Amino acid sequence: MLNRVCLIGRLTKEPELRYSPKGIAVSNFILAVDRSFKNAQGEREADFIPCVAYRQLAELVANYLDKGRLASVEGRIQVRTYNTQSGEKRWVTEIIADNVFFLDKKKDNDSGNSQNNQSSGTSSFGHEVNLDDDIPF
Protein backbone atom coordinates (compact mmCIF):
# COMPACT_ATOMS: atom_id res chain seq x y z
CA MET A 1 0.00 0.00 0.00
CA LEU A 2 1.15 3.53 -0.66
CA ASN A 3 -0.01 6.84 0.79
CA ARG A 4 2.36 9.60 -0.36
CA VAL A 5 1.63 13.19 -1.32
CA CYS A 6 3.87 15.88 -2.79
CA LEU A 7 2.40 19.39 -3.06
CA ILE A 8 3.75 22.78 -4.09
CA GLY A 9 1.76 25.85 -3.17
CA ARG A 10 1.59 29.05 -1.17
CA LEU A 11 0.60 29.45 2.47
CA THR A 12 -2.77 31.16 2.85
CA LYS A 13 -1.98 32.55 6.32
CA GLU A 14 0.63 32.40 9.06
CA PRO A 15 1.18 28.87 10.41
CA GLU A 16 -0.34 28.23 13.83
CA LEU A 17 2.00 26.69 16.41
CA ARG A 18 0.75 25.02 19.57
CA TYR A 19 1.95 22.33 21.91
CA SER A 20 0.16 19.13 22.89
CA PRO A 21 -0.35 18.30 26.59
CA LYS A 22 2.76 16.09 26.29
CA GLY A 23 4.80 19.04 24.97
CA ILE A 24 4.90 18.01 21.30
CA ALA A 25 4.97 20.94 18.86
CA VAL A 26 2.13 20.95 16.31
CA SER A 27 1.89 23.42 13.43
CA ASN A 28 -1.22 23.77 11.26
CA PHE A 29 -1.17 25.61 7.95
CA ILE A 30 -3.12 25.71 4.71
CA LEU A 31 -1.44 25.37 1.34
CA ALA A 32 -3.11 26.87 -1.77
CA VAL A 33 -2.27 24.64 -4.72
CA ASP A 34 -3.18 25.81 -8.24
CA ARG A 35 -5.08 23.38 -10.43
CA SER A 36 -3.49 22.47 -13.76
CA PHE A 37 -6.46 23.64 -15.81
CA LYS A 38 -8.62 26.75 -16.15
CA ASN A 39 -12.34 26.98 -15.43
CA ALA A 40 -15.04 27.96 -17.96
CA GLN A 41 -14.23 31.66 -17.40
CA GLY A 42 -10.56 31.05 -18.25
CA GLU A 43 -9.38 31.52 -14.66
CA ARG A 44 -7.13 29.17 -12.75
CA GLU A 45 -8.64 27.81 -9.54
CA ALA A 46 -6.84 26.49 -6.45
CA ASP A 47 -7.39 23.84 -3.83
CA PHE A 48 -6.83 24.82 -0.20
CA ILE A 49 -5.25 21.87 1.56
CA PRO A 50 -4.83 21.69 5.35
CA CYS A 51 -1.41 20.46 6.46
CA VAL A 52 -0.02 19.47 9.86
CA ALA A 53 3.62 19.23 10.94
CA TYR A 54 4.88 17.82 14.24
CA ARG A 55 7.88 18.24 16.52
CA GLN A 56 10.97 20.05 15.16
CA LEU A 57 9.44 20.36 11.70
CA ALA A 58 6.44 22.16 13.25
CA GLU A 59 8.73 24.69 14.89
CA LEU A 60 10.69 25.25 11.66
CA VAL A 61 7.47 25.84 9.71
CA ALA A 62 6.17 28.28 12.32
CA ASN A 63 9.47 30.18 12.51
CA TYR A 64 10.40 30.39 8.83
CA LEU A 65 7.22 30.30 6.75
CA ASP A 66 4.82 33.21 6.38
CA LYS A 67 1.63 33.94 4.49
CA GLY A 68 2.26 33.86 0.73
CA ARG A 69 5.53 31.89 0.90
CA LEU A 70 6.05 29.13 -1.67
CA ALA A 71 6.63 25.72 -0.10
CA SER A 72 6.73 22.06 -1.00
CA VAL A 73 5.11 19.59 1.38
CA GLU A 74 5.79 15.86 1.30
CA GLY A 75 3.73 13.58 3.48
CA ARG A 76 0.66 11.40 3.67
CA ILE A 77 -3.10 11.90 3.58
CA GLN A 78 -4.91 11.32 6.85
CA VAL A 79 -8.68 11.16 7.23
CA ARG A 80 -10.14 11.31 10.72
CA THR A 81 -13.58 11.70 12.18
CA TYR A 82 -15.02 13.26 15.30
CA ASN A 83 -18.47 13.95 16.74
CA THR A 84 -19.62 17.49 17.46
CA GLN A 85 -21.36 18.41 20.71
CA SER A 86 -24.69 18.04 18.88
CA GLY A 87 -23.75 14.47 17.86
CA GLU A 88 -22.99 15.17 14.18
CA LYS A 89 -20.15 13.17 12.67
CA ARG A 90 -17.50 15.33 10.97
CA TRP A 91 -14.74 14.22 8.61
CA VAL A 92 -11.36 15.92 8.38
CA THR A 93 -8.88 15.27 5.57
CA GLU A 94 -5.38 16.71 5.99
CA ILE A 95 -1.78 16.17 4.97
CA ILE A 96 0.61 14.98 7.67
CA ALA A 97 3.93 16.53 6.62
CA ASP A 98 7.14 14.51 6.71
CA ASN A 99 9.19 17.19 4.92
CA VAL A 100 8.60 20.86 4.15
CA PHE A 101 10.91 22.69 1.76
CA PHE A 102 11.04 26.48 1.50
CA LEU A 103 11.07 27.34 -2.20
CA ASP A 104 11.40 31.12 -2.21
CA LYS A 105 13.17 33.86 -0.33
CA LYS A 106 11.64 35.44 2.73
CA LYS A 107 10.50 39.00 2.05
CA ASP A 108 12.72 41.55 3.80
CA ASN A 109 10.82 44.14 5.84
CA ASP A 110 13.85 45.60 7.67
CA SER A 111 16.31 46.77 5.01
CA GLY A 112 18.54 48.48 7.61
CA ASN A 113 19.55 45.23 9.30
CA SER A 114 22.17 43.33 7.31
CA GLN A 115 21.38 40.08 9.14
CA ASN A 116 17.81 40.22 7.83
CA ASN A 117 19.11 40.68 4.29
CA GLN A 118 20.73 37.25 4.33
CA SER A 119 18.92 34.81 2.05
CA SER A 120 19.36 31.72 4.15
CA GLY A 121 17.06 29.58 6.22
CA THR A 122 16.78 26.10 7.61
CA SER A 123 15.56 23.13 5.65
CA SER A 124 13.20 20.54 7.06
CA PHE A 125 16.26 18.45 7.94
CA GLY A 126 17.77 21.20 10.13
CA HIS A 127 20.65 22.00 7.76
CA GLU A 128 21.63 25.52 6.85
CA VAL A 129 20.65 26.28 3.26
CA ASN A 130 21.54 29.23 1.05
CA LEU A 131 18.48 30.32 -0.87
CA ASP A 132 20.60 32.37 -3.31
CA ASP A 133 22.06 29.18 -4.83
CA ASP A 134 20.63 27.99 -8.12
CA ILE A 135 18.02 25.26 -7.79
CA PRO A 136 19.15 22.27 -9.85
CA PHE A 137 15.75 21.47 -11.37
C-alpha atoms as a PDB file:
ATOM      1  CA  MET A   1       0.000   0.000   0.000  1.00  0.00           C
ATOM      2  CA  LEU A   2       1.150   3.526  -0.661  1.00  0.00           C
ATOM      3  CA  ASN A   3      -0.011   6.838   0.794  1.00  0.00           C
ATOM      4  CA  ARG A   4       2.362   9.601  -0.364  1.00  0.00           C
ATOM      5  CA  VAL A   5       1.633  13.189  -1.324  1.00  0.00           C
ATOM      6  CA  CYS A   6       3.873  15.877  -2.789  1.00  0.00           C
ATOM      7  CA  LEU A   7       2.399  19.388  -3.059  1.00  0.00           C
ATOM      8  CA  ILE A   8       3.753  22.777  -4.087  1.00  0.00           C
ATOM      9  CA  GLY A   9       1.764  25.854  -3.174  1.00  0.00           C
ATOM     10  CA  ARG A  10       1.593  29.054  -1.167  1.00  0.00           C
ATOM     11  CA  LEU A  11       0.600  29.446   2.469  1.00  0.00           C
ATOM     12  CA  THR A  12      -2.766  31.160   2.847  1.00  0.00           C
ATOM     13  CA  LYS A  13      -1.980  32.555   6.322  1.00  0.00           C
ATOM     14  CA  GLU A  14       0.627  32.404   9.062  1.00  0.00           C
ATOM     15  CA  PRO A  15       1.181  28.867  10.407  1.00  0.00           C
ATOM     16  CA  GLU A  16      -0.344  28.231  13.831  1.00  0.00           C
ATOM     17  CA  LEU A  17       1.997  26.694  16.408  1.00  0.00           C
ATOM     18  CA  ARG A  18       0.748  25.022  19.568  1.00  0.00           C
ATOM     19  CA  TYR A  19       1.954  22.327  21.915  1.00  0.00           C
ATOM     20  CA  SER A  20       0.161  19.135  22.892  1.00  0.00           C
ATOM     21  CA  PRO A  21      -0.353  18.304  26.591  1.00  0.00           C
ATOM     22  CA  LYS A  22       2.755  16.091  26.291  1.00  0.00           C
ATOM     23  CA  GLY A  23       4.795  19.037  24.970  1.00  0.00           C
ATOM     24  CA  ILE A  24       4.897  18.007  21.295  1.00  0.00           C
ATOM     25  CA  ALA A  25       4.969  20.945  18.861  1.00  0.00           C
ATOM     26  CA  VAL A  26       2.128  20.951  16.305  1.00  0.00           C
ATOM     27  CA  SER A  27       1.890  23.423  13.426  1.00  0.00           C
ATOM     28  CA  ASN A  28      -1.224  23.770  11.256  1.00  0.00           C
ATOM     29  CA  PHE A  29      -1.167  25.615   7.954  1.00  0.00           C
ATOM     30  CA  ILE A  30      -3.124  25.712   4.714  1.00  0.00           C
ATOM     31  CA  LEU A  31      -1.445  25.370   1.338  1.00  0.00           C
ATOM     32  CA  ALA A  32      -3.110  26.873  -1.766  1.00  0.00           C
ATOM     33  CA  VAL A  33      -2.265  24.637  -4.723  1.00  0.00           C
ATOM     34  CA  ASP A  34      -3.182  25.807  -8.241  1.00  0.00           C
ATOM     35  CA  ARG A  35      -5.079  23.382 -10.430  1.00  0.00           C
ATOM     36  CA  SER A  36      -3.485  22.467 -13.759  1.00  0.00           C
ATOM     37  CA  PHE A  37      -6.463  23.644 -15.810  1.00  0.00           C
ATOM     38  CA  LYS A  38      -8.619  26.747 -16.147  1.00  0.00           C
ATOM     39  CA  ASN A  39     -12.342  26.982 -15.427  1.00  0.00           C
ATOM     40  CA  ALA A  40     -15.038  27.965 -17.964  1.00  0.00           C
ATOM     41  CA  GLN A  41     -14.228  31.661 -17.397  1.00  0.00           C
ATOM     42  CA  GLY A  42     -10.565  31.054 -18.249  1.00  0.00           C
ATOM     43  CA  GLU A  43      -9.379  31.516 -14.663  1.00  0.00           C
ATOM     44  CA  ARG A  44      -7.129  29.170 -12.753  1.00  0.00           C
ATOM     45  CA  GLU A  45      -8.637  27.810  -9.536  1.00  0.00           C
ATOM     46  CA  ALA A  46      -6.837  26.494  -6.452  1.00  0.00           C
ATOM     47  CA  ASP A  47      -7.392  23.844  -3.831  1.00  0.00           C
ATOM     48  CA  PHE A  48      -6.833  24.819  -0.196  1.00  0.00           C
ATOM     49  CA  ILE A  49      -5.249  21.869   1.556  1.00  0.00           C
ATOM     50  CA  PRO A  50      -4.835  21.687   5.348  1.00  0.00           C
ATOM     51  CA  CYS A  51      -1.406  20.458   6.460  1.00  0.00           C
ATOM     52  CA  VAL A  52      -0.018  19.469   9.861  1.00  0.00           C
ATOM     53  CA  ALA A  53       3.622  19.229  10.942  1.00  0.00           C
ATOM     54  CA  TYR A  54       4.878  17.819  14.236  1.00  0.00           C
ATOM     55  CA  ARG A  55       7.883  18.238  16.524  1.00  0.00           C
ATOM     56  CA  GLN A  56      10.973  20.048  15.165  1.00  0.00           C
ATOM     57  CA  LEU A  57       9.442  20.364  11.695  1.00  0.00           C
ATOM     58  CA  ALA A  58       6.439  22.155  13.248  1.00  0.00           C
ATOM     59  CA  GLU A  59       8.733  24.693  14.894  1.00  0.00           C
ATOM     60  CA  LEU A  60      10.686  25.249  11.664  1.00  0.00           C
ATOM     61  CA  VAL A  61       7.469  25.839   9.714  1.00  0.00           C
ATOM     62  CA  ALA A  62       6.167  28.280  12.318  1.00  0.00           C
ATOM     63  CA  ASN A  63       9.470  30.175  12.513  1.00  0.00           C
ATOM     64  CA  TYR A  64      10.405  30.389   8.829  1.00  0.00           C
ATOM     65  CA  LEU A  65       7.220  30.301   6.755  1.00  0.00           C
ATOM     66  CA  ASP A  66       4.822  33.212   6.376  1.00  0.00           C
ATOM     67  CA  LYS A  67       1.626  33.937   4.490  1.00  0.00           C
ATOM     68  CA  GLY A  68       2.260  33.856   0.733  1.00  0.00           C
ATOM     69  CA  ARG A  69       5.527  31.888   0.900  1.00  0.00           C
ATOM     70  CA  LEU A  70       6.047  29.134  -1.669  1.00  0.00           C
ATOM     71  CA  ALA A  71       6.629  25.720  -0.105  1.00  0.00           C
ATOM     72  CA  SER A  72       6.734  22.060  -0.999  1.00  0.00           C
ATOM     73  CA  VAL A  73       5.109  19.587   1.383  1.00  0.00           C
ATOM     74  CA  GLU A  74       5.791  15.856   1.300  1.00  0.00           C
ATOM     75  CA  GLY A  75       3.735  13.578   3.479  1.00  0.00           C
ATOM     76  CA  ARG A  76       0.660  11.396   3.674  1.00  0.00           C
ATOM     77  CA  ILE A  77      -3.098  11.903   3.582  1.00  0.00           C
ATOM     78  CA  GLN A  78      -4.910  11.321   6.850  1.00  0.00           C
ATOM     79  CA  VAL A  79      -8.675  11.156   7.227  1.00  0.00           C
ATOM     80  CA  ARG A  80     -10.140  11.307  10.720  1.00  0.00           C
ATOM     81  CA  THR A  81     -13.584  11.699  12.183  1.00  0.00           C
ATOM     82  CA  TYR A  82     -15.017  13.255  15.304  1.00  0.00           C
ATOM     83  CA  ASN A  83     -18.467  13.951  16.744  1.00  0.00           C
ATOM     84  CA  THR A  84     -19.621  17.491  17.457  1.00  0.00           C
ATOM     85  CA  GLN A  85     -21.361  18.405  20.708  1.00  0.00           C
ATOM     86  CA  SER A  86     -24.691  18.039  18.883  1.00  0.00           C
ATOM     87  CA  GLY A  87     -23.745  14.473  17.860  1.00  0.00           C
ATOM     88  CA  GLU A  88     -22.985  15.172  14.184  1.00  0.00           C
ATOM     89  CA  LYS A  89     -20.152  13.166  12.666  1.00  0.00           C
ATOM     90  CA  ARG A  90     -17.498  15.327  10.966  1.00  0.00           C
ATOM     91  CA  TRP A  91     -14.740  14.215   8.610  1.00  0.00           C
ATOM     92  CA  VAL A  92     -11.360  15.923   8.383  1.00  0.00           C
ATOM     93  CA  THR A  93      -8.879  15.275   5.568  1.00  0.00           C
ATOM     94  CA  GLU A  94      -5.382  16.713   5.991  1.00  0.00           C
ATOM     95  CA  ILE A  95      -1.777  16.169   4.968  1.00  0.00           C
ATOM     96  CA  ILE A  96       0.613  14.976   7.674  1.00  0.00           C
ATOM     97  CA  ALA A  97       3.928  16.535   6.625  1.00  0.00           C
ATOM     98  CA  ASP A  98       7.137  14.508   6.710  1.00  0.00           C
ATOM     99  CA  ASN A  99       9.190  17.191   4.919  1.00  0.00           C
ATOM    100  CA  VAL A 100       8.605  20.857   4.146  1.00  0.00           C
ATOM    101  CA  PHE A 101      10.913  22.693   1.763  1.00  0.00           C
ATOM    102  CA  PHE A 102      11.043  26.481   1.498  1.00  0.00           C
ATOM    103  CA  LEU A 103      11.066  27.339  -2.201  1.00  0.00           C
ATOM    104  CA  ASP A 104      11.396  31.117  -2.214  1.00  0.00           C
ATOM    105  CA  LYS A 105      13.167  33.862  -0.334  1.00  0.00           C
ATOM    106  CA  LYS A 106      11.643  35.445   2.733  1.00  0.00           C
ATOM    107  CA  LYS A 107      10.500  38.996   2.055  1.00  0.00           C
ATOM    108  CA  ASP A 108      12.720  41.545   3.803  1.00  0.00           C
ATOM    109  CA  ASN A 109      10.821  44.137   5.843  1.00  0.00           C
ATOM    110  CA  ASP A 110      13.845  45.601   7.667  1.00  0.00           C
ATOM    111  CA  SER A 111      16.310  46.770   5.009  1.00  0.00           C
ATOM    112  CA  GLY A 112      18.539  48.478   7.605  1.00  0.00           C
ATOM    113  CA  ASN A 113      19.550  45.233   9.299  1.00  0.00           C
ATOM    114  CA  SER A 114      22.170  43.331   7.313  1.00  0.00           C
ATOM    115  CA  GLN A 115      21.376  40.084   9.140  1.00  0.00           C
ATOM    116  CA  ASN A 116      17.806  40.215   7.826  1.00  0.00           C
ATOM    117  CA  ASN A 117      19.106  40.683   4.294  1.00  0.00           C
ATOM    118  CA  GLN A 118      20.730  37.246   4.333  1.00  0.00           C
ATOM    119  CA  SER A 119      18.925  34.809   2.052  1.00  0.00           C
ATOM    120  CA  SER A 120      19.360  31.717   4.154  1.00  0.00           C
ATOM    121  CA  GLY A 121      17.064  29.582   6.221  1.00  0.00           C
ATOM    122  CA  THR A 122      16.778  26.102   7.614  1.00  0.00           C
ATOM    123  CA  SER A 123      15.561  23.126   5.647  1.00  0.00           C
ATOM    124  CA  SER A 124      13.202  20.541   7.064  1.00  0.00           C
ATOM    125  CA  PHE A 125      16.264  18.453   7.938  1.00  0.00           C
ATOM    126  CA  GLY A 126      17.767  21.196  10.126  1.00  0.00           C
ATOM    127  CA  HIS A 127      20.655  22.003   7.765  1.00  0.00           C
ATOM    128  CA  GLU A 128      21.626  25.524   6.851  1.00  0.00           C
ATOM    129  CA  VAL A 129      20.653  26.283   3.256  1.00  0.00           C
ATOM    130  CA  ASN A 130      21.537  29.226   1.047  1.00  0.00           C
ATOM    131  CA  LEU A 131      18.477  30.323  -0.873  1.00  0.00           C
ATOM    132  CA  ASP A 132      20.596  32.371  -3.308  1.00  0.00           C
ATOM    133  CA  ASP A 133      22.056  29.183  -4.835  1.00  0.00           C
ATOM    134  CA  ASP A 134      20.625  27.988  -8.118  1.00  0.00           C
ATOM    135  CA  ILE A 135      18.023  25.264  -7.786  1.00  0.00           C
ATOM    136  CA  PRO A 136      19.152  22.266  -9.850  1.00  0.00           C
ATOM    137  CA  PHE A 137      15.746  21.466 -11.373  1.00  0.00           C
END
